[in-house]
Amino acid sequence: MKNRIEEIRNERGIRQDELAKLMGVSRQTISSLENGRYNPSILLAHKIAKFFGMTIEDVFIFEDLQED
C-alpha cells in the first residue's frame, strides 16, 4: 500500500515528529509509513486521514494484489 502522507504533511508544513505526537505514535512509525515499510492499522489510517480532513482513500492508495 502506498500513501501520500509525506506529500500532504509537507504541503501543510507539519514535521514528522509533530504528526507522530498528534497521532500518538513514534516519529519512526511516521517515517516507516511514508517509506512504505509499514502498513497502518485501520484506526491509525482513519486518525491520519481525519487529521488531514480527508478520506482514507485520499491518503492511502490501495493496490490490488493479484495472485498468479
C-alpha atoms as a PDB file:
ATOM      1  CA  MET A   1       0.000   0.000   0.000  1.00  0.00           C
ATOM      2  CA  LYS A   2       1.274   3.424  -0.918  1.00  0.00           C
ATOM      3  CA  ASN A   3       0.330   6.693   0.715  1.00  0.00           C
ATOM      4  CA  ARG A   4       0.523  10.454   0.351  1.00  0.00           C
ATOM      5  CA  ILE A   5       1.364  11.227   3.979  1.00  0.00           C
ATOM      6  CA  GLU A   6       4.719  12.879   3.271  1.00  0.00           C
ATOM      7  CA  GLU A   7       3.294  14.939   0.407  1.00  0.00           C
ATOM      8  CA  ILE A   8       0.301  16.156   2.447  1.00  0.00           C
ATOM      9  CA  ARG A   9       2.385  16.715   5.569  1.00  0.00           C
ATOM     10  CA  ASN A  10       4.907  18.835   3.652  1.00  0.00           C
ATOM     11  CA  GLU A  11       2.164  20.850   1.935  1.00  0.00           C
ATOM     12  CA  ARG A  12       0.831  21.747   5.377  1.00  0.00           C
ATOM     13  CA  GLY A  13       4.214  22.431   6.964  1.00  0.00           C
ATOM     14  CA  ILE A  14       3.996  19.660   9.554  1.00  0.00           C
ATOM     15  CA  ARG A  15       7.134  17.818  10.678  1.00  0.00           C
ATOM     16  CA  GLN A  16       7.221  14.053  11.184  1.00  0.00           C
ATOM     17  CA  ASP A  17       7.682  14.421  14.922  1.00  0.00           C
ATOM     18  CA  GLU A  18       4.710  16.800  15.177  1.00  0.00           C
ATOM     19  CA  LEU A  19       2.423  14.419  13.300  1.00  0.00           C
ATOM     20  CA  ALA A  20       3.698  11.495  15.352  1.00  0.00           C
ATOM     21  CA  LYS A  21       2.918  13.247  18.627  1.00  0.00           C
ATOM     22  CA  LEU A  22      -0.584  14.181  17.444  1.00  0.00           C
ATOM     23  CA  MET A  23      -1.228  10.575  16.338  1.00  0.00           C
ATOM     24  CA  GLY A  24       0.227   9.030  19.498  1.00  0.00           C
ATOM     25  CA  VAL A  25       2.952   7.123  17.655  1.00  0.00           C
ATOM     26  CA  SER A  26       6.720   7.460  17.278  1.00  0.00           C
ATOM     27  CA  ARG A  27       8.424   9.542  14.610  1.00  0.00           C
ATOM     28  CA  GLN A  28       9.895   6.273  13.344  1.00  0.00           C
ATOM     29  CA  THR A  29       6.362   4.971  12.741  1.00  0.00           C
ATOM     30  CA  ILE A  30       5.532   8.009  10.593  1.00  0.00           C
ATOM     31  CA  SER A  31       8.830   7.597   8.733  1.00  0.00           C
ATOM     32  CA  SER A  32       8.119   3.896   8.134  1.00  0.00           C
ATOM     33  CA  LEU A  33       4.619   4.701   6.881  1.00  0.00           C
ATOM     34  CA  GLU A  34       5.949   7.312   4.462  1.00  0.00           C
ATOM     35  CA  ASN A  35       8.596   4.936   3.136  1.00  0.00           C
ATOM     36  CA  GLY A  36       6.146   2.075   2.648  1.00  0.00           C
ATOM     37  CA  ARG A  37       7.825  -0.154   5.233  1.00  0.00           C
ATOM     38  CA  TYR A  38       4.764  -0.265   7.477  1.00  0.00           C
ATOM     39  CA  ASN A  39       1.027  -0.565   6.868  1.00  0.00           C
ATOM     40  CA  PRO A  40      -1.042   1.210   9.499  1.00  0.00           C
ATOM     41  CA  SER A  41      -3.899  -0.235  11.477  1.00  0.00           C
ATOM     42  CA  ILE A  42      -7.298   0.872  10.244  1.00  0.00           C
ATOM     43  CA  LEU A  43      -7.571   3.039  13.361  1.00  0.00           C
ATOM     44  CA  LEU A  44      -4.298   4.848  12.655  1.00  0.00           C
ATOM     45  CA  ALA A  45      -5.181   5.252   8.969  1.00  0.00           C
ATOM     46  CA  HIS A  46      -8.531   6.757   9.970  1.00  0.00           C
ATOM     47  CA  LYS A  47      -6.904   9.055  12.530  1.00  0.00           C
ATOM     48  CA  ILE A  48      -4.359  10.343   9.984  1.00  0.00           C
ATOM     49  CA  ALA A  49      -6.994  10.890   7.300  1.00  0.00           C
ATOM     50  CA  LYS A  50      -9.321  12.651   9.746  1.00  0.00           C
ATOM     51  CA  PHE A  51      -6.477  14.897  10.948  1.00  0.00           C
ATOM     52  CA  PHE A  52      -5.846  15.990   7.358  1.00  0.00           C
ATOM     53  CA  GLY A  53      -9.593  16.434   6.715  1.00  0.00           C
ATOM     54  CA  MET A  54      -9.511  13.755   4.030  1.00  0.00           C
ATOM     55  CA  THR A  55     -10.831  10.262   3.462  1.00  0.00           C
ATOM     56  CA  ILE A  56      -8.647   7.214   3.967  1.00  0.00           C
ATOM     57  CA  GLU A  57      -8.769   6.680   0.188  1.00  0.00           C
ATOM     58  CA  ASP A  58      -7.412  10.211  -0.372  1.00  0.00           C
ATOM     59  CA  VAL A  59      -4.364   9.491   1.792  1.00  0.00           C
ATOM     60  CA  PHE A  60      -3.744   5.776   1.220  1.00  0.00           C
ATOM     61  CA  ILE A  61      -3.516   4.130  -2.191  1.00  0.00           C
ATOM     62  CA  PHE A  62      -4.692   0.537  -2.090  1.00  0.00           C
ATOM     63  CA  GLU A  63      -3.209  -1.590  -4.842  1.00  0.00           C
ATOM     64  CA  ASP A  64      -4.889  -4.777  -5.972  1.00  0.00           C
ATOM     65  CA  LEU A  65      -2.915  -7.835  -5.044  1.00  0.00           C
ATOM     66  CA  GLN A  66      -3.283 -10.421  -7.766  1.00  0.00           C
ATOM     67  CA  GLU A  67      -2.109 -13.958  -7.307  1.00  0.00           C
ATOM     68  CA  ASP A  68      -0.979 -15.977 -10.300  1.00  0.00           C
END
